[in-house]
PDB file of N, CA and C in Angstrom:
ATOM      1  N   MET A   1     -31.014  72.831-141.813  1.00  0.00           N
ATOM      2  CA  MET A   1     -30.771  71.392-141.907  1.00  0.00           C
ATOM      3  C   MET A   1     -31.970  70.720-142.593  1.00  0.00           C
ATOM      4  N   PRO A   2     -31.708  69.777-143.456  1.00  0.00           N
ATOM      5  CA  PRO A   2     -32.816  69.052-144.087  1.00  0.00           C
ATOM      6  C   PRO A   2     -33.490  68.135-143.079  1.00  0.00           C
ATOM      7  N   GLU A   3     -34.747  67.837-143.362  1.00  0.00           N
ATOM      8  CA  GLU A   3     -35.482  66.907-142.499  1.00  0.00           C
ATOM      9  C   GLU A   3     -34.913  65.503-142.649  1.00  0.00           C
ATOM     10  N   GLY A   4     -34.997  64.747-141.582  1.00  0.00           N
ATOM     11  CA  GLY A   4     -34.564  63.356-141.637  1.00  0.00           C
ATOM     12  C   GLY A   4     -35.640  62.509-142.293  1.00  0.00           C
ATOM     13  N   PRO A   5     -35.413  61.210-142.360  1.00  0.00           N
ATOM     14  CA  PRO A   5     -36.378  60.305-142.983  1.00  0.00           C
ATOM     15  C   PRO A   5     -37.665  60.218-142.172  1.00  0.00           C
ATOM     16  N   SER A   6     -38.758  59.912-142.849  1.00  0.00           N
ATOM     17  CA  SER A   6     -40.058  59.757-142.189  1.00  0.00           C
ATOM     18  C   SER A   6     -40.081  58.474-141.366  1.00  0.00           C
ATOM     19  N   GLU A   7     -41.072  58.343-140.510  1.00  0.00           N
ATOM     20  CA  GLU A   7     -41.228  57.118-139.708  1.00  0.00           C
ATOM     21  C   GLU A   7     -41.406  55.901-140.606  1.00  0.00           C
ATOM     22  N   THR A   8     -42.112  56.067-141.706  1.00  0.00           N
ATOM     23  CA  THR A   8     -42.313  54.959-142.642  1.00  0.00           C
ATOM     24  C   THR A   8     -40.986  54.483-143.208  1.00  0.00           C
ATOM     25  N   VAL A   9     -40.139  55.408-143.618  1.00  0.00           N
ATOM     26  CA  VAL A   9     -38.832  55.059-144.167  1.00  0.00           C
ATOM     27  C   VAL A   9     -37.973  54.391-143.105  1.00  0.00           C
ATOM     28  N   LEU A  10     -38.057  54.884-141.863  1.00  0.00           N
ATOM     29  CA  LEU A  10     -37.254  54.302-140.787  1.00  0.00           C
ATOM     30  C   LEU A  10     -37.641  52.853-140.495  1.00  0.00           C
ATOM     31  N   ARG A  11     -38.880  52.478-140.769  1.00  0.00           N
ATOM     32  CA  ARG A  11     -39.346  51.123-140.461  1.00  0.00           C
ATOM     33  C   ARG A  11     -39.142  50.147-141.609  1.00  0.00           C
ATOM     34  N   MET A  12     -38.790  50.626-142.785  1.00  0.00           N
ATOM     35  CA  MET A  12     -38.693  49.719-143.927  1.00  0.00           C
ATOM     36  C   MET A  12     -37.299  49.737-144.541  1.00  0.00           C
ATOM     37  N   GLY A  13     -37.090  48.801-145.393  1.00  0.00           N
ATOM     38  CA  GLY A  13     -35.840  48.756-146.122  1.00  0.00           C
ATOM     39  C   GLY A  13     -34.728  48.100-145.345  1.00  0.00           C
ATOM     40  N   ASN A  14     -33.650  47.862-146.062  1.00  0.00           N
ATOM     41  CA  ASN A  14     -32.463  47.310-145.434  1.00  0.00           C
ATOM     42  C   ASN A  14     -31.247  47.825-146.185  1.00  0.00           C
ATOM     43  N   ARG A  15     -30.109  47.503-145.680  1.00  0.00           N
ATOM     44  CA  ARG A  15     -28.853  47.916-146.282  1.00  0.00           C
ATOM     45  C   ARG A  15     -27.999  46.678-146.471  1.00  0.00           C
ATOM     46  N   ILE A  16     -27.229  46.672-147.539  1.00  0.00           N
ATOM     47  CA  ILE A  16     -26.327  45.561-147.813  1.00  0.00           C
ATOM     48  C   ILE A  16     -24.918  46.118-147.948  1.00  0.00           C
ATOM     49  N   LEU A  17     -24.008  45.577-147.151  1.00  0.00           N
ATOM     50  CA  LEU A  17     -22.593  45.952-147.212  1.00  0.00           C
ATOM     51  C   LEU A  17     -21.821  44.724-147.672  1.00  0.00           C
ATOM     52  N   VAL A  18     -20.888  44.899-148.582  1.00  0.00           N
ATOM     53  CA  VAL A  18     -20.086  43.797-149.083  1.00  0.00           C
ATOM     54  C   VAL A  18     -18.626  44.086-148.771  1.00  0.00           C
ATOM     55  N   GLY A  19     -17.958  43.111-148.182  1.00  0.00           N
ATOM     56  CA  GLY A  19     -16.540  43.252-147.872  1.00  0.00           C
ATOM     57  C   GLY A  19     -15.733  42.217-148.638  1.00  0.00           C
ATOM     58  N   THR A  20     -14.615  42.649-149.182  1.00  0.00           N
ATOM     59  CA  THR A  20     -13.722  41.759-149.927  1.00  0.00           C
ATOM     60  C   THR A  20     -12.302  41.941-149.415  1.00  0.00           C
ATOM     61  N   VAL A  21     -11.620  40.839-149.151  1.00  0.00           N
ATOM     62  CA  VAL A  21     -10.217  40.888-148.742  1.00  0.00           C
ATOM     63  C   VAL A  21      -9.416  39.937-149.625  1.00  0.00           C
ATOM     64  N   THR A  22      -8.171  40.312-149.857  1.00  0.00           N
ATOM     65  CA  THR A  22      -7.260  39.483-150.639  1.00  0.00           C
ATOM     66  C   THR A  22      -5.959  39.344-149.860  1.00  0.00           C
ATOM     67  N   ASP A  23      -5.486  38.109-149.701  1.00  0.00           N
ATOM     68  CA  ASP A  23      -4.238  37.903-148.971  1.00  0.00           C
ATOM     69  C   ASP A  23      -3.037  38.000-149.910  1.00  0.00           C
ATOM     70  N   ALA A  24      -1.854  37.826-149.356  1.00  0.00           N
ATOM     71  CA  ALA A  24      -0.607  37.971-150.119  1.00  0.00           C
ATOM     72  C   ALA A  24      -0.500  36.953-151.256  1.00  0.00           C
ATOM     73  N   LYS A  25      -1.172  35.814-151.121  1.00  0.00           N
ATOM     74  CA  LYS A  25      -1.133  34.785-152.170  1.00  0.00           C
ATOM     75  C   LYS A  25      -2.145  35.068-153.280  1.00  0.00           C
ATOM     76  N   GLY A  26      -3.001  36.073-153.072  1.00  0.00           N
ATOM     77  CA  GLY A  26      -4.020  36.392-154.071  1.00  0.00           C
ATOM     78  C   GLY A  26      -5.356  35.721-153.827  1.00  0.00           C
ATOM     79  N   ASP A  27      -5.456  34.963-152.730  1.00  0.00           N
ATOM     80  CA  ASP A  27      -6.741  34.343-152.386  1.00  0.00           C
ATOM     81  C   ASP A  27      -7.700  35.425-151.885  1.00  0.00           C
ATOM     82  N   THR A  28      -8.940  35.350-152.329  1.00  0.00           N
ATOM     83  CA  THR A  28      -9.935  36.372-152.003  1.00  0.00           C
ATOM     84  C   THR A  28     -11.082  35.756-151.217  1.00  0.00           C
ATOM     85  N   ALA A  29     -11.586  36.493-150.245  1.00  0.00           N
ATOM     86  CA  ALA A  29     -12.780  36.102-149.496  1.00  0.00           C
ATOM     87  C   ALA A  29     -13.751  37.283-149.515  1.00  0.00           C
ATOM     88  N   ARG A  30     -15.051  36.957-149.607  1.00  0.00           N
ATOM     89  CA  ARG A  30     -16.083  37.996-149.618  1.00  0.00           C
ATOM     90  C   ARG A  30     -17.173  37.628-148.621  1.00  0.00           C
ATOM     91  N   THR A  31     -17.738  38.656-148.013  1.00  0.00           N
ATOM     92  CA  THR A  31     -18.878  38.450-147.130  1.00  0.00           C
ATOM     93  C   THR A  31     -19.883  39.558-147.374  1.00  0.00           C
ATOM     94  N   ARG A  32     -21.131  39.263-147.131  1.00  0.00           N
ATOM     95  CA  ARG A  32     -22.209  40.231-147.313  1.00  0.00           C
ATOM     96  C   ARG A  32     -22.947  40.377-145.979  1.00  0.00           C
ATOM     97  N   LEU A  33     -23.123  41.612-145.550  1.00  0.00           N
ATOM     98  CA  LEU A  33     -23.849  41.895-144.316  1.00  0.00           C
ATOM     99  C   LEU A  33     -25.116  42.642-144.684  1.00  0.00           C
ATOM    100  N   THR A  34     -26.253  42.061-144.335  1.00  0.00           N
ATOM    101  CA  THR A  34     -27.545  42.708-144.563  1.00  0.00           C
ATOM    102  C   THR A  34     -28.037  43.205-143.216  1.00  0.00           C
ATOM    103  N   THR A  35     -28.430  44.475-143.159  1.00  0.00           N
ATOM    104  CA  THR A  35     -28.891  45.075-141.906  1.00  0.00           C
ATOM    105  C   THR A  35     -30.226  45.756-142.102  1.00  0.00           C
ATOM    106  N   SER A  36     -30.823  46.134-141.009  1.00  0.00           N
ATOM    107  CA  SER A  36     -32.035  46.941-141.069  1.00  0.00           C
ATOM    108  C   SER A  36     -31.674  48.339-141.551  1.00  0.00           C
ATOM    109  N   GLN A  37     -32.650  49.191-141.640  1.00  0.00           N
ATOM    110  CA  GLN A  37     -32.466  50.563-142.116  1.00  0.00           C
ATOM    111  C   GLN A  37     -31.366  51.259-141.297  1.00  0.00           C
ATOM    112  N   GLY A  38     -30.509  52.003-141.940  1.00  0.00           N
ATOM    113  CA  GLY A  38     -29.309  52.552-141.319  1.00  0.00           C
ATOM    114  C   GLY A  38     -29.521  53.434-140.106  1.00  0.00           C
ATOM    115  N   TYR A  39     -30.498  54.348-140.156  1.00  0.00           N
ATOM    116  CA  TYR A  39     -30.746  55.222-139.011  1.00  0.00           C
ATOM    117  C   TYR A  39     -31.174  54.404-137.793  1.00  0.00           C
ATOM    118  N   ALA A  40     -32.084  53.459-138.015  1.00  0.00           N
ATOM    119  CA  ALA A  40     -32.572  52.630-136.909  1.00  0.00           C
ATOM    120  C   ALA A  40     -31.448  51.773-136.338  1.00  0.00           C
ATOM    121  N   LEU A  41     -30.639  51.184-137.209  1.00  0.00           N
ATOM    122  CA  LEU A  41     -29.541  50.344-136.737  1.00  0.00           C
ATOM    123  C   LEU A  41     -28.528  51.153-135.938  1.00  0.00           C
ATOM    124  N   THR A  42     -28.234  52.360-136.391  1.00  0.00           N
ATOM    125  CA  THR A  42     -27.298  53.217-135.661  1.00  0.00           C
ATOM    126  C   THR A  42     -27.811  53.506-134.256  1.00  0.00           C
ATOM    127  N   ALA A  43     -29.098  53.802-134.137  1.00  0.00           N
ATOM    128  CA  ALA A  43     -29.679  54.058-132.819  1.00  0.00           C
ATOM    129  C   ALA A  43     -29.600  52.818-131.935  1.00  0.00           C
ATOM    130  N   GLN A  44     -29.951  51.656-132.479  1.00  0.00           N
ATOM    131  CA  GLN A  44     -29.934  50.419-131.695  1.00  0.00           C
ATOM    132  C   GLN A  44     -28.525  50.066-131.230  1.00  0.00           C
ATOM    133  N   THR A  45     -27.559  50.138-132.135  1.00  0.00           N
ATOM    134  CA  THR A  45     -26.196  49.776-131.758  1.00  0.00           C
ATOM    135  C   THR A  45     -25.610  50.776-130.767  1.00  0.00           C
ATOM    136  N   SER A  46     -25.930  52.046-130.930  1.00  0.00           N
ATOM    137  CA  SER A  46     -25.423  53.072-130.002  1.00  0.00           C
ATOM    138  C   SER A  46     -25.923  52.837-128.581  1.00  0.00           C
ATOM    139  N   VAL A  47     -27.199  52.526-128.463  1.00  0.00           N
ATOM    140  CA  VAL A  47     -27.772  52.271-127.134  1.00  0.00           C
ATOM    141  C   VAL A  47     -27.133  51.032-126.516  1.00  0.00           C
ATOM    142  N   GLU A  48     -26.954  49.980-127.291  1.00  0.00           N
ATOM    143  CA  GLU A  48     -26.355  48.748-126.758  1.00  0.00           C
ATOM    144  C   GLU A  48     -24.894  48.969-126.364  1.00  0.00           C
ATOM    145  N   ILE A  49     -24.158  49.712-127.166  1.00  0.00           N
ATOM    146  CA  ILE A  49     -22.764  50.008-126.823  1.00  0.00           C
ATOM    147  C   ILE A  49     -22.696  50.821-125.543  1.00  0.00           C
ATOM    148  N   ALA A  50     -23.541  51.852-125.424  1.00  0.00           N
ATOM    149  CA  ALA A  50     -23.553  52.670-124.203  1.00  0.00           C
ATOM    150  C   ALA A  50     -23.902  51.819-122.987  1.00  0.00           C
ATOM    151  N   ARG A  51     -24.882  50.918-123.132  1.00  0.00           N
ATOM    152  CA  ARG A  51     -25.269  50.045-122.024  1.00  0.00           C
ATOM    153  C   ARG A  51     -24.082  49.192-121.581  1.00  0.00           C
ATOM    154  N   ARG A  52     -23.356  48.643-122.534  1.00  0.00           N
ATOM    155  CA  ARG A  52     -22.217  47.781-122.208  1.00  0.00           C
ATOM    156  C   ARG A  52     -21.059  48.573-121.595  1.00  0.00           C
ATOM    157  N   VAL A  53     -20.841  49.788-122.080  1.00  0.00           N
ATOM    158  CA  VAL A  53     -19.766  50.617-121.515  1.00  0.00           C
ATOM    159  C   VAL A  53     -20.083  50.947-120.061  1.00  0.00           C
ATOM    160  N   VAL A  54     -21.316  51.340-119.778  1.00  0.00           N
ATOM    161  CA  VAL A  54     -21.726  51.669-118.410  1.00  0.00           C
ATOM    162  C   VAL A  54     -21.616  50.443-117.503  1.00  0.00           C
ATOM    163  N   ALA A  55     -21.860  49.262-118.075  1.00  0.00           N
ATOM    164  CA  ALA A  55     -21.764  48.021-117.303  1.00  0.00           C
ATOM    165  C   ALA A  55     -20.320  47.565-117.119  1.00  0.00           C
ATOM    166  N   GLY A  56     -19.370  48.331-117.653  1.00  0.00           N
ATOM    167  CA  GLY A  56     -17.960  47.992-117.477  1.00  0.00           C
ATOM    168  C   GLY A  56     -17.434  46.939-118.435  1.00  0.00           C
ATOM    169  N   GLU A  57     -18.119  46.741-119.554  1.00  0.00           N
ATOM    170  CA  GLU A  57     -17.719  45.703-120.502  1.00  0.00           C
ATOM    171  C   GLU A  57     -16.751  46.201-121.576  1.00  0.00           C
ATOM    172  N   ALA A  58     -16.213  47.397-121.409  1.00  0.00           N
ATOM    173  CA  ALA A  58     -15.278  47.940-122.405  1.00  0.00           C
ATOM    174  C   ALA A  58     -14.149  48.663-121.696  1.00  0.00           C
ATOM    175  N   LYS A  59     -12.946  48.548-122.241  1.00  0.00           N
ATOM    176  CA  LYS A  59     -11.823  49.287-121.670  1.00  0.00           C
ATOM    177  C   LYS A  59     -11.777  50.681-122.314  1.00  0.00           C
ATOM    178  N   PRO A  60     -11.233  51.666-121.623  1.00  0.00           N
ATOM    179  CA  PRO A  60     -11.179  53.032-122.151  1.00  0.00           C
ATOM    180  C   PRO A  60     -10.312  53.136-123.400  1.00  0.00           C
ATOM    181  N   GLY A  61     -10.610  54.140-124.219  1.00  0.00           N
ATOM    182  CA  GLY A  61      -9.822  54.400-125.422  1.00  0.00           C
ATOM    183  C   GLY A  61     -10.580  54.047-126.676  1.00  0.00           C
ATOM    184  N   PHE A  62     -10.073  54.516-127.798  1.00  0.00           N
ATOM    185  CA  PHE A  62     -10.732  54.261-129.074  1.00  0.00           C
ATOM    186  C   PHE A  62     -10.604  52.798-129.466  1.00  0.00           C
ATOM    187  N   GLN A  63     -11.738  52.226-129.846  1.00  0.00           N
ATOM    188  CA  GLN A  63     -11.799  50.862-130.365  1.00  0.00           C
ATOM    189  C   GLN A  63     -13.047  50.748-131.225  1.00  0.00           C
ATOM    190  N   THR A  64     -13.011  49.886-132.192  1.00  0.00           N
ATOM    191  CA  THR A  64     -14.222  49.640-132.965  1.00  0.00           C
ATOM    192  C   THR A  64     -15.127  48.702-132.170  1.00  0.00           C
ATOM    193  N   PRO A  65     -16.432  48.734-132.407  1.00  0.00           N
ATOM    194  CA  PRO A  65     -17.327  47.819-131.693  1.00  0.00           C
ATOM    195  C   PRO A  65     -16.928  46.347-131.852  1.00  0.00           C
ATOM    196  N   SER A  66     -16.473  45.963-133.039  1.00  0.00           N
ATOM    197  CA  SER A  66     -16.112  44.554-133.226  1.00  0.00           C
ATOM    198  C   SER A  66     -14.874  44.158-132.427  1.00  0.00           C
ATOM    199  N   LEU A  67     -13.947  45.084-132.228  1.00  0.00           N
ATOM    200  CA  LEU A  67     -12.774  44.771-131.409  1.00  0.00           C
ATOM    201  C   LEU A  67     -13.143  44.645-129.934  1.00  0.00           C
ATOM    202  N   VAL A  68     -14.079  45.451-129.481  1.00  0.00           N
ATOM    203  CA  VAL A  68     -14.470  45.422-128.072  1.00  0.00           C
ATOM    204  C   VAL A  68     -15.425  44.277-127.780  1.00  0.00           C
ATOM    205  N   PHE A  69     -16.430  44.102-128.635  1.00  0.00           N
ATOM    206  CA  PHE A  69     -17.513  43.167-128.341  1.00  0.00           C
ATOM    207  C   PHE A  69     -17.528  41.924-129.235  1.00  0.00           C
ATOM    208  N   GLY A  70     -16.574  41.809-130.150  1.00  0.00           N
ATOM    209  CA  GLY A  70     -16.477  40.628-131.007  1.00  0.00           C
ATOM    210  C   GLY A  70     -17.063  40.856-132.392  1.00  0.00           C
ATOM    211  N   ALA A  71     -16.579  40.056-133.329  1.00  0.00           N
ATOM    212  CA  ALA A  71     -16.978  40.191-134.733  1.00  0.00           C
ATOM    213  C   ALA A  71     -18.466  39.950-134.953  1.00  0.00           C
ATOM    214  N   ASP A  72     -19.104  39.202-134.067  1.00  0.00           N
ATOM    215  CA  ASP A  72     -20.527  38.897-134.228  1.00  0.00           C
ATOM    216  C   ASP A  72     -21.444  39.876-133.492  1.00  0.00           C
ATOM    217  N   PHE A  73     -20.899  40.922-132.909  1.00  0.00           N
ATOM    218  CA  PHE A  73     -21.709  41.902-132.176  1.00  0.00           C
ATOM    219  C   PHE A  73     -22.895  42.372-133.016  1.00  0.00           C
ATOM    220  N   ILE A  74     -22.672  42.694-134.253  1.00  0.00           N
ATOM    221  CA  ILE A  74     -23.713  43.258-135.113  1.00  0.00           C
ATOM    222  C   ILE A  74     -24.853  42.272-135.372  1.00  0.00           C
ATOM    223  N   LEU A  75     -24.565  40.982-135.263  1.00  0.00           N
ATOM    224  CA  LEU A  75     -25.562  39.971-135.614  1.00  0.00           C
ATOM    225  C   LEU A  75     -26.695  39.852-134.597  1.00  0.00           C
ATOM    226  N   GLN A  76     -26.560  40.457-133.433  1.00  0.00           N
ATOM    227  CA  GLN A  76     -27.621  40.368-132.431  1.00  0.00           C
ATOM    228  C   GLN A  76     -28.805  41.276-132.739  1.00  0.00           C
ATOM    229  N   PHE A  77     -28.650  42.167-133.701  1.00  0.00           N
ATOM    230  CA  PHE A  77     -29.710  43.132-133.980  1.00  0.00           C
ATOM    231  C   PHE A  77     -30.659  42.603-135.054  1.00  0.00           C
ATOM    232  N   GLU A  78     -31.946  42.801-134.792  1.00  0.00           N
ATOM    233  CA  GLU A  78     -32.992  42.290-135.683  1.00  0.00           C
ATOM    234  C   GLU A  78     -32.755  42.736-137.123  1.00  0.00           C
ATOM    235  N   GLY A  79     -32.929  41.817-138.040  1.00  0.00           N
ATOM    236  CA  GLY A  79     -32.785  42.132-139.454  1.00  0.00           C
ATOM    237  C   GLY A  79     -31.352  42.083-139.961  1.00  0.00           C
ATOM    238  N   THR A  80     -30.427  41.645-139.105  1.00  0.00           N
ATOM    239  CA  THR A  80     -29.018  41.623-139.500  1.00  0.00           C
ATOM    240  C   THR A  80     -28.564  40.179-139.695  1.00  0.00           C
ATOM    241  N   ARG A  81     -27.920  39.951-140.830  1.00  0.00           N
ATOM    242  CA  ARG A  81     -27.354  38.620-141.077  1.00  0.00           C
ATOM    243  C   ARG A  81     -26.094  38.755-141.933  1.00  0.00           C
ATOM    244  N   ARG A  82     -25.187  37.835-141.740  1.00  0.00           N
ATOM    245  CA  ARG A  82     -23.935  37.817-142.497  1.00  0.00           C
ATOM    246  C   ARG A  82     -23.919  36.545-143.333  1.00  0.00           C
ATOM    247  N   GLU A  83     -23.439  36.687-144.541  1.00  0.00           N
ATOM    248  CA  GLU A  83     -23.408  35.552-145.459  1.00  0.00           C
ATOM    249  C   GLU A  83     -22.062  35.571-146.203  1.00  0.00           C
ATOM    250  N   ASP A  84     -21.317  34.492-146.077  1.00  0.00           N
ATOM    251  CA  ASP A  84     -20.068  34.378-146.827  1.00  0.00           C
ATOM    252  C   ASP A  84     -20.416  34.104-148.286  1.00  0.00           C
ATOM    253  N   VAL A  85     -19.755  34.825-149.178  1.00  0.00           N
ATOM    254  CA  VAL A  85     -20.011  34.720-150.606  1.00  0.00           C
ATOM    255  C   VAL A  85     -18.775  34.076-151.221  1.00  0.00           C
ATOM    256  N   SER A  86     -18.979  33.143-152.119  1.00  0.00           N
ATOM    257  CA  SER A  86     -17.828  32.470-152.730  1.00  0.00           C
ATOM    258  C   SER A  86     -16.976  33.475-153.500  1.00  0.00           C
ATOM    259  N   SER A  87     -15.684  33.221-153.538  1.00  0.00           N
ATOM    260  CA  SER A  87     -14.764  34.140-154.212  1.00  0.00           C
ATOM    261  C   SER A  87     -14.732  33.920-155.702  1.00  0.00           C
TER     262      SER A  87
END
């Protein structure tokens, strides 16, 4: 297995995800989500999800984090922000 990223890499950088949706009328909406470094964010969100599941805040079965904890769940993590982009 290859080595993972160094501690320096884990502490720096960010990721940008862009989502675009188009409705039946052809209207388009876009949003941009900027997050901290991916490995660090995955660890943070995993721990928070596990904490909430143990606390009884989730029903059993497959669900995405946003369906269980709301669309703004991701925004509680440091370095994360969402920005609506004009279409």
